[in-house]
C-alpha atoms as a PDB file:
ATOM      1  CA  UNK A   1       0.111  -0.236  -0.240  1.00  0.00           C
ATOM      2  CA  UNK A   2       1.217   3.559  -0.798  1.00  0.00           C
ATOM      3  CA  UNK A   3       2.204   5.457   2.512  1.00  0.00           C
ATOM      4  CA  UNK A   4       2.149   8.781   0.618  1.00  0.00           C
ATOM      5  CA  UNK A   5      -1.225  10.000   1.972  1.00  0.00           C
ATOM      6  CA  UNK A   6      -0.938  13.581   2.095  1.00  0.00           C
ATOM      7  CA  UNK A   7      -1.453  15.475  -1.174  1.00  0.00           C
ATOM      8  CA  UNK A   8      -0.270  19.247  -1.242  1.00  0.00           C
ATOM      9  CA  UNK A   9      -1.438  21.924  -3.227  1.00  0.00           C
ATOM     10  CA  UNK A  10      -0.370  25.892  -3.071  1.00  0.00           C
ATOM     11  CA  UNK A  11      -1.231  29.265  -4.152  1.00  0.00           C
ATOM     12  CA  UNK A  12       0.443  32.431  -3.788  1.00  0.00           C
ATOM     13  CA  UNK A  13      -2.932  34.536  -4.178  1.00  0.00           C
ATOM     14  CA  UNK A  14      -6.178  34.096  -2.909  1.00  0.00           C
ATOM     15  CA  UNK A  15      -7.953  35.089  -5.668  1.00  0.00           C
ATOM     16  CA  UNK A  16      -6.975  31.849  -7.234  1.00  0.00           C
ATOM     17  CA  UNK A  17      -9.632  29.044  -6.462  1.00  0.00           C
ATOM     18  CA  UNK A  18      -8.360  25.902  -5.275  1.00  0.00           C
ATOM     19  CA  UNK A  19      -8.920  23.755  -8.350  1.00  0.00           C
ATOM     20  CA  UNK A  20      -6.494  25.790 -10.024  1.00  0.00           C
ATOM     21  CA  UNK A  21      -3.735  25.881  -7.309  1.00  0.00           C
ATOM     22  CA  UNK A  22      -0.212  24.504  -7.691  1.00  0.00           C
ATOM     23  CA  UNK A  23      -0.152  20.578  -7.156  1.00  0.00           C
ATOM     24  CA  UNK A  24       3.384  19.635  -5.251  1.00  0.00           C
ATOM     25  CA  UNK A  25       2.714  15.901  -5.064  1.00  0.00           C
ATOM     26  CA  UNK A  26       1.971  13.472  -2.890  1.00  0.00           C
ATOM     27  CA  UNK A  27       3.896  12.838   0.460  1.00  0.00           C
ATOM     28  CA  UNK A  28       4.346  10.506   3.476  1.00  0.00           C
ATOM     29  CA  UNK A  29       4.030  13.562   5.791  1.00  0.00           C
ATOM     30  CA  UNK A  30       2.665  17.100   6.457  1.00  0.00           C
ATOM     31  CA  UNK A  31       6.359  17.954   6.944  1.00  0.00           C
ATOM     32  CA  UNK A  32       7.517  16.805   3.573  1.00  0.00           C
ATOM     33  CA  UNK A  33       4.636  18.014   1.892  1.00  0.00           C
ATOM     34  CA  UNK A  34       5.551  21.623   3.306  1.00  0.00           C
ATOM     35  CA  UNK A  35       8.962  21.231   2.667  1.00  0.00           C
ATOM     36  CA  UNK A  36       8.310  20.324  -1.159  1.00  0.00           C
ATOM     37  CA  UNK A  37       5.829  22.784  -1.618  1.00  0.00           C
ATOM     38  CA  UNK A  38       8.569  25.474  -0.251  1.00  0.00           C
ATOM     39  CA  UNK A  39      10.772  24.120  -3.057  1.00  0.00           C
ATOM     40  CA  UNK A  40       8.405  24.764  -5.642  1.00  0.00           C
ATOM     41  CA  UNK A  41       7.587  27.863  -4.378  1.00  0.00           C
ATOM     42  CA  UNK A  42      10.974  29.194  -4.635  1.00  0.00           C
ATOM     43  CA  UNK A  43      13.045  30.773  -1.999  1.00  0.00           C
ATOM     44  CA  UNK A  44      11.328  33.373   0.156  1.00  0.00           C
ATOM     45  CA  UNK A  45       8.105  32.853  -1.728  1.00  0.00           C
ATOM     46  CA  UNK A  46       4.922  33.428   0.347  1.00  0.00           C
ATOM     47  CA  UNK A  47       2.249  31.124  -0.126  1.00  0.00           C
ATOM     48  CA  UNK A  48      -0.923  29.414   1.258  1.00  0.00           C
ATOM     49  CA  UNK A  49      -1.161  25.286   1.420  1.00  0.00           C
ATOM     50  CA  UNK A  50      -4.021  23.045   1.550  1.00  0.00           C
ATOM     51  CA  UNK A  51      -3.058  19.363   2.504  1.00  0.00           C
ATOM     52  CA  UNK A  52      -5.773  16.723   1.816  1.00  0.00           C
ATOM     53  CA  UNK A  53      -5.307  13.553   3.927  1.00  0.00           C
ATOM     54  CA  UNK A  54      -6.524  10.840   1.147  1.00  0.00           C
ATOM     55  CA  UNK A  55      -6.988   7.874   3.879  1.00  0.00           C
ATOM     56  CA  UNK A  56      -9.269  10.182   6.050  1.00  0.00           C
ATOM     57  CA  UNK A  57     -10.420  13.118   4.064  1.00  0.00           C
ATOM     58  CA  UNK A  58      -9.258  15.225   6.743  1.00  0.00           C
ATOM     59  CA  UNK A  59      -7.928  18.900   5.246  1.00  0.00           C
ATOM     60  CA  UNK A  60      -5.568  21.136   6.628  1.00  0.00           C
ATOM     61  CA  UNK A  61      -4.968  24.666   5.534  1.00  0.00           C
ATOM     62  CA  UNK A  62      -2.140  27.060   6.260  1.00  0.00           C
ATOM     63  CA  UNK A  63       0.489  29.749   5.506  1.00  0.00           C
ATOM     64  CA  UNK A  64       4.138  30.003   5.372  1.00  0.00           C
ATOM     65  CA  UNK A  65       6.835  32.920   5.025  1.00  0.00           C
ATOM     66  CA  UNK A  66       3.763  35.467   5.898  1.00  0.00           C
ATOM     67  CA  UNK A  67       4.093  38.223   8.175  1.00  0.00           C
ATOM     68  CA  UNK A  68       1.419  39.177  10.647  1.00  0.00           C
ATOM     69  CA  UNK A  69       0.608  42.435   7.851  1.00  0.00           C
ATOM     70  CA  UNK A  70       0.214  39.582   5.041  1.00  0.00           C
ATOM     71  CA  UNK A  71      -1.892  37.604   7.287  1.00  0.00           C
ATOM     72  CA  UNK A  72      -4.736  40.440   7.993  1.00  0.00           C
ATOM     73  CA  UNK A  73      -4.612  41.271   4.016  1.00  0.00           C
ATOM     74  CA  UNK A  74      -5.280  37.923   2.986  1.00  0.00           C
ATOM     75  CA  UNK A  75      -8.176  37.344   5.711  1.00  0.00           C
ATOM     76  CA  UNK A  76      -6.452  34.107   6.810  1.00  0.00           C
ATOM     77  CA  UNK A  77      -9.953  33.286   9.083  1.00  0.00           C
ATOM     78  CA  UNK A  78     -11.707  32.355   6.313  1.00  0.00           C
ATOM     79  CA  UNK A  79     -12.024  28.846   4.872  1.00  0.00           C
ATOM     80  CA  UNK A  80     -12.677  28.763   0.755  1.00  0.00           C
ATOM     81  CA  UNK A  81     -12.854  24.936   0.675  1.00  0.00           C
END
């Protein structure tokens, strides 16, 4: 059985719907998925991520490389699933 159950998508702009977000592969852990997404996005690029657990259908969203000012601009409390 394939143990890479986490699928990650990233977007650098909230105007982009998740279905058009960049696909960054399948990974065995959340940390591996985020690390791969950072490499895909490029050094120092801010992005929002969506991780789907294919075994449980759990969805995790978060931000990487975002300062507090930018978080407010992204309206981070809202979930667009």
